[in-house]
Amino acid sequence: MGDSVTPEIIGNMIRQYFSQERPEEETIQALNHLRRVLHEVSPFAHEPVDCVLWVKADEVVANDYNPNVMAPGEKKLLKQSLEKDGFTQPVVVSEEKNHYLVVDGFHRQVLGREAGTGKRLKGWLPVVCINPERKGQASRIAATIRHNRARGKHQITSMSDIVRDLS
């Protein structure tokens, strides 16, 4: 019987690969590739949070239908949280042809670009992509509303406009 591949062997190979000098963008692309491979074989492959990727912040685009608003005090608290605790919750996006469209986490992605946090993240943002079957605009809007309703405040007029558009 031949040598079998173990998690320890794979781990050592990964460490060896990443110990080599390479541009940071290439390192991030390699990490994202490995995360996608692990996600493919994961027992949780249908859960978006199983695959957090790092993408360039300028590839993340706000949607044009988010009715969620954040009070100045809450925004300040979110900024402090990102600065002191780091990103503990990725931005939820829909992977489109040439960009990532925000489904949830508009304020996190805005603050993730600002001076302190943006500098620390070097122009990158952590994202999870919604399941591909959720890609139509109506599905994305519904997902945004579900995420927002779970914890945010809504502008009544904006929410009414969205509900009307979905009908």
C-alpha atoms as a PDB file:
ATOM      1  CA  MET A   1       0.000   0.000   0.000  1.00  0.00           C
ATOM      2  CA  GLY A   2       1.340   3.419  -0.972  1.00  0.00           C
ATOM      3  CA  ASP A   3       1.620   6.495   1.136  1.00  0.00           C
ATOM      4  CA  SER A   4      -1.750   8.095   1.663  1.00  0.00           C
ATOM      5  CA  VAL A   5      -2.304  11.821   1.685  1.00  0.00           C
ATOM      6  CA  THR A   6      -3.266  13.122   5.116  1.00  0.00           C
ATOM      7  CA  PRO A   7      -4.522  16.523   6.255  1.00  0.00           C
ATOM      8  CA  GLU A   8      -1.117  17.048   7.885  1.00  0.00           C
ATOM      9  CA  ILE A   9       0.701  16.426   4.595  1.00  0.00           C
ATOM     10  CA  ILE A  10      -1.656  18.760   2.743  1.00  0.00           C
ATOM     11  CA  GLY A  11      -1.196  21.375   5.487  1.00  0.00           C
ATOM     12  CA  ASN A  12       2.579  21.164   5.182  1.00  0.00           C
ATOM     13  CA  MET A  13       2.362  21.493   1.387  1.00  0.00           C
ATOM     14  CA  ILE A  14       0.181  24.578   1.783  1.00  0.00           C
ATOM     15  CA  ARG A  15       2.612  26.123   4.280  1.00  0.00           C
ATOM     16  CA  GLN A  16       5.508  25.402   1.926  1.00  0.00           C
ATOM     17  CA  TYR A  17       3.656  26.942  -1.028  1.00  0.00           C
ATOM     18  CA  PHE A  18       2.823  30.123   0.889  1.00  0.00           C
ATOM     19  CA  SER A  19       6.328  30.455   2.340  1.00  0.00           C
ATOM     20  CA  GLN A  20       7.557  31.293  -1.170  1.00  0.00           C
ATOM     21  CA  GLU A  21       7.853  34.948  -2.121  1.00  0.00           C
ATOM     22  CA  ARG A  22       5.054  36.196  -4.414  1.00  0.00           C
ATOM     23  CA  PRO A  23       2.961  39.332  -4.956  1.00  0.00           C
ATOM     24  CA  GLU A  24       0.198  39.815  -2.396  1.00  0.00           C
ATOM     25  CA  GLU A  25      -2.549  39.708  -5.029  1.00  0.00           C
ATOM     26  CA  GLU A  26      -1.289  36.312  -6.222  1.00  0.00           C
ATOM     27  CA  THR A  27      -1.306  35.057  -2.623  1.00  0.00           C
ATOM     28  CA  ILE A  28      -4.897  36.221  -2.134  1.00  0.00           C
ATOM     29  CA  GLN A  29      -5.979  34.599  -5.412  1.00  0.00           C
ATOM     30  CA  ALA A  30      -4.349  31.327  -4.335  1.00  0.00           C
ATOM     31  CA  LEU A  31      -6.065  31.481  -0.930  1.00  0.00           C
ATOM     32  CA  ASN A  32      -9.423  32.124  -2.601  1.00  0.00           C
ATOM     33  CA  HIS A  33      -8.823  29.190  -4.960  1.00  0.00           C
ATOM     34  CA  LEU A  34      -8.095  26.868  -2.030  1.00  0.00           C
ATOM     35  CA  ARG A  35     -11.165  28.122  -0.162  1.00  0.00           C
ATOM     36  CA  ARG A  36     -13.339  27.379  -3.214  1.00  0.00           C
ATOM     37  CA  VAL A  37     -11.851  23.875  -3.518  1.00  0.00           C
ATOM     38  CA  LEU A  38     -12.492  23.193   0.178  1.00  0.00           C
ATOM     39  CA  HIS A  39     -16.023  24.568  -0.232  1.00  0.00           C
ATOM     40  CA  GLU A  40     -16.688  22.134  -3.108  1.00  0.00           C
ATOM     41  CA  VAL A  41     -15.939  19.128  -0.893  1.00  0.00           C
ATOM     42  CA  SER A  42     -17.414  20.523   2.312  1.00  0.00           C
ATOM     43  CA  PRO A  43     -20.457  18.938   3.932  1.00  0.00           C
ATOM     44  CA  PHE A  44     -21.640  22.563   4.221  1.00  0.00           C
ATOM     45  CA  ALA A  45     -21.181  23.420   0.526  1.00  0.00           C
ATOM     46  CA  HIS A  46     -24.737  24.785   0.319  1.00  0.00           C
ATOM     47  CA  GLU A  47     -24.001  27.341   3.056  1.00  0.00           C
ATOM     48  CA  PRO A  48     -22.523  30.578   1.676  1.00  0.00           C
ATOM     49  CA  VAL A  49     -20.635  31.294   4.913  1.00  0.00           C
ATOM     50  CA  ASP A  50     -18.598  28.134   4.279  1.00  0.00           C
ATOM     51  CA  CYS A  51     -16.615  30.086   1.660  1.00  0.00           C
ATOM     52  CA  VAL A  52     -15.435  33.561   2.680  1.00  0.00           C
ATOM     53  CA  LEU A  53     -13.404  35.146  -0.111  1.00  0.00           C
ATOM     54  CA  TRP A  54     -11.273  38.286  -0.265  1.00  0.00           C
ATOM     55  CA  VAL A  55     -12.104  40.519  -3.233  1.00  0.00           C
ATOM     56  CA  LYS A  56     -10.878  43.945  -4.282  1.00  0.00           C
ATOM     57  CA  ALA A  57     -13.036  46.601  -2.649  1.00  0.00           C
ATOM     58  CA  ASP A  58     -13.473  48.416  -5.956  1.00  0.00           C
ATOM     59  CA  GLU A  59     -15.123  45.274  -7.395  1.00  0.00           C
ATOM     60  CA  VAL A  60     -17.843  45.444  -4.715  1.00  0.00           C
ATOM     61  CA  VAL A  61     -20.749  47.604  -5.869  1.00  0.00           C
ATOM     62  CA  ALA A  62     -23.689  48.834  -3.778  1.00  0.00           C
ATOM     63  CA  ASN A  63     -27.161  47.832  -4.920  1.00  0.00           C
ATOM     64  CA  ASP A  64     -29.612  50.582  -5.850  1.00  0.00           C
ATOM     65  CA  TYR A  65     -32.560  49.324  -3.816  1.00  0.00           C
ATOM     66  CA  ASN A  66     -31.404  49.024  -0.189  1.00  0.00           C
ATOM     67  CA  PRO A  67     -33.968  50.742   2.063  1.00  0.00           C
ATOM     68  CA  ASN A  68     -31.896  50.211   5.220  1.00  0.00           C
ATOM     69  CA  VAL A  69     -30.659  53.258   7.116  1.00  0.00           C
ATOM     70  CA  MET A  70     -28.193  53.425   9.973  1.00  0.00           C
ATOM     71  CA  ALA A  71     -28.297  55.999  12.740  1.00  0.00           C
ATOM     72  CA  PRO A  72     -25.049  57.951  13.286  1.00  0.00           C
ATOM     73  CA  GLY A  73     -24.504  56.295  16.675  1.00  0.00           C
ATOM     74  CA  GLU A  74     -24.868  52.807  15.215  1.00  0.00           C
ATOM     75  CA  LYS A  75     -22.540  53.697  12.349  1.00  0.00           C
ATOM     76  CA  LYS A  76     -19.942  54.952  14.831  1.00  0.00           C
ATOM     77  CA  LEU A  77     -20.275  51.707  16.799  1.00  0.00           C
ATOM     78  CA  LEU A  78     -19.877  49.637  13.608  1.00  0.00           C
ATOM     79  CA  LYS A  79     -16.764  51.637  12.710  1.00  0.00           C
ATOM     80  CA  GLN A  80     -15.307  51.021  16.184  1.00  0.00           C
ATOM     81  CA  SER A  81     -16.153  47.337  15.907  1.00  0.00           C
ATOM     82  CA  LEU A  82     -14.392  47.034  12.544  1.00  0.00           C
ATOM     83  CA  GLU A  83     -11.351  48.900  13.859  1.00  0.00           C
ATOM     84  CA  LYS A  84     -11.049  47.066  17.187  1.00  0.00           C
ATOM     85  CA  ASP A  85     -12.464  43.598  16.422  1.00  0.00           C
ATOM     86  CA  GLY A  86     -11.833  43.389  12.690  1.00  0.00           C
ATOM     87  CA  PHE A  87     -14.311  42.009  10.166  1.00  0.00           C
ATOM     88  CA  THR A  88     -16.287  39.308  11.948  1.00  0.00           C
ATOM     89  CA  GLN A  89     -19.098  39.254   9.407  1.00  0.00           C
ATOM     90  CA  PRO A  90     -18.360  39.356   5.674  1.00  0.00           C
ATOM     91  CA  VAL A  91     -20.299  41.409   3.150  1.00  0.00           C
ATOM     92  CA  VAL A  92     -22.992  39.298   1.455  1.00  0.00           C
ATOM     93  CA  VAL A  93     -22.802  39.674  -2.326  1.00  0.00           C
ATOM     94  CA  SER A  94     -24.131  38.309  -5.574  1.00  0.00           C
ATOM     95  CA  GLU A  95     -21.281  37.391  -7.905  1.00  0.00           C
ATOM     96  CA  GLU A  96     -22.004  39.120 -11.207  1.00  0.00           C
ATOM     97  CA  LYS A  97     -20.058  39.126 -14.475  1.00  0.00           C
ATOM     98  CA  ASN A  98     -17.577  41.933 -13.694  1.00  0.00           C
ATOM     99  CA  HIS A  99     -18.333  42.823 -10.081  1.00  0.00           C
ATOM    100  CA  TYR A 100     -19.895  41.755  -6.795  1.00  0.00           C
ATOM    101  CA  LEU A 101     -23.265  43.329  -5.976  1.00  0.00           C
ATOM    102  CA  VAL A 102     -23.980  43.970  -2.274  1.00  0.00           C
ATOM    103  CA  VAL A 103     -26.963  42.030  -0.936  1.00  0.00           C
ATOM    104  CA  ASP A 104     -26.229  42.714   2.735  1.00  0.00           C
ATOM    105  CA  GLY A 105     -23.491  44.691   4.438  1.00  0.00           C
ATOM    106  CA  PHE A 106     -23.664  48.023   2.629  1.00  0.00           C
ATOM    107  CA  HIS A 107     -22.396  49.923   5.673  1.00  0.00           C
ATOM    108  CA  ARG A 108     -19.659  47.342   6.370  1.00  0.00           C
ATOM    109  CA  GLN A 109     -18.365  47.665   2.807  1.00  0.00           C
ATOM    110  CA  VAL A 110     -18.444  51.486   2.957  1.00  0.00           C
ATOM    111  CA  LEU A 111     -16.571  51.558   6.271  1.00  0.00           C
ATOM    112  CA  GLY A 112     -14.219  48.823   5.042  1.00  0.00           C
ATOM    113  CA  ARG A 113     -12.930  51.267   2.441  1.00  0.00           C
ATOM    114  CA  GLU A 114     -12.343  54.168   4.858  1.00  0.00           C
ATOM    115  CA  ALA A 115      -8.965  55.287   6.180  1.00  0.00           C
ATOM    116  CA  GLY A 116      -8.138  53.024   9.141  1.00  0.00           C
ATOM    117  CA  THR A 117      -9.923  49.834   8.180  1.00  0.00           C
ATOM    118  CA  GLY A 118      -9.331  50.303   4.453  1.00  0.00           C
ATOM    119  CA  LYS A 119      -5.603  50.723   5.008  1.00  0.00           C
ATOM    120  CA  ARG A 120      -5.470  47.618   7.184  1.00  0.00           C
ATOM    121  CA  LEU A 121      -7.394  45.592   4.572  1.00  0.00           C
ATOM    122  CA  LYS A 122      -5.165  46.942   1.778  1.00  0.00           C
ATOM    123  CA  GLY A 123      -8.112  47.542  -0.547  1.00  0.00           C
ATOM    124  CA  TRP A 124      -9.733  44.116  -0.053  1.00  0.00           C
ATOM    125  CA  LEU A 125     -13.080  43.122   1.495  1.00  0.00           C
ATOM    126  CA  PRO A 126     -14.267  39.777   2.879  1.00  0.00           C
ATOM    127  CA  VAL A 127     -17.363  38.525   1.057  1.00  0.00           C
ATOM    128  CA  VAL A 128     -19.656  35.535   0.877  1.00  0.00           C
ATOM    129  CA  CYS A 129     -21.560  34.923  -2.336  1.00  0.00           C
ATOM    130  CA  ILE A 130     -25.240  34.057  -2.192  1.00  0.00           C
ATOM    131  CA  ASN A 131     -26.193  30.739  -3.734  1.00  0.00           C
ATOM    132  CA  PRO A 132     -26.327  30.972  -7.553  1.00  0.00           C
ATOM    133  CA  GLU A 133     -30.031  30.092  -7.661  1.00  0.00           C
ATOM    134  CA  ARG A 134     -30.697  33.396  -5.843  1.00  0.00           C
ATOM    135  CA  LYS A 135     -29.255  35.528  -8.630  1.00  0.00           C
ATOM    136  CA  GLY A 136     -32.269  37.226 -10.224  1.00  0.00           C
ATOM    137  CA  GLN A 137     -32.991  40.790  -9.156  1.00  0.00           C
ATOM    138  CA  ALA A 138     -36.205  39.828  -7.346  1.00  0.00           C
ATOM    139  CA  SER A 139     -34.332  37.118  -5.402  1.00  0.00           C
ATOM    140  CA  ARG A 140     -31.532  39.542  -4.508  1.00  0.00           C
ATOM    141  CA  ILE A 141     -34.010  42.189  -3.350  1.00  0.00           C
ATOM    142  CA  ALA A 142     -35.887  39.627  -1.262  1.00  0.00           C
ATOM    143  CA  ALA A 143     -32.599  38.463   0.297  1.00  0.00           C
ATOM    144  CA  THR A 144     -31.639  42.074   1.093  1.00  0.00           C
ATOM    145  CA  ILE A 145     -35.000  42.669   2.749  1.00  0.00           C
ATOM    146  CA  ARG A 146     -34.738  39.459   4.802  1.00  0.00           C
ATOM    147  CA  HIS A 147     -31.258  40.409   6.006  1.00  0.00           C
ATOM    148  CA  ASN A 148     -32.337  43.975   6.790  1.00  0.00           C
ATOM    149  CA  ARG A 149     -35.567  43.017   8.530  1.00  0.00           C
ATOM    150  CA  ALA A 150     -33.618  40.684  10.760  1.00  0.00           C
ATOM    151  CA  ARG A 151     -31.739  43.595  12.334  1.00  0.00           C
ATOM    152  CA  GLY A 152     -32.185  46.976  10.693  1.00  0.00           C
ATOM    153  CA  LYS A 153     -34.519  49.898  10.340  1.00  0.00           C
ATOM    154  CA  HIS A 154     -36.175  50.686   7.040  1.00  0.00           C
ATOM    155  CA  GLN A 155     -37.256  53.813   5.311  1.00  0.00           C
ATOM    156  CA  ILE A 156     -40.976  53.190   4.849  1.00  0.00           C
ATOM    157  CA  THR A 157     -41.182  54.887   1.447  1.00  0.00           C
ATOM    158  CA  SER A 158     -38.220  52.935   0.067  1.00  0.00           C
ATOM    159  CA  MET A 159     -39.614  49.662   1.412  1.00  0.00           C
ATOM    160  CA  SER A 160     -43.021  50.445  -0.113  1.00  0.00           C
ATOM    161  CA  ASP A 161     -41.390  51.166  -3.480  1.00  0.00           C
ATOM    162  CA  ILE A 162     -39.579  47.832  -3.408  1.00  0.00           C
ATOM    163  CA  VAL A 163     -42.710  45.887  -2.473  1.00  0.00           C
ATOM    164  CA  ARG A 164     -44.594  47.637  -5.290  1.00  0.00           C
ATOM    165  CA  ASP A 165     -41.814  46.819  -7.775  1.00  0.00           C
ATOM    166  CA  LEU A 166     -41.836  43.157  -6.759  1.00  0.00           C
ATOM    167  CA  SER A 167     -45.609  42.860  -7.310  1.00  0.00           C
END
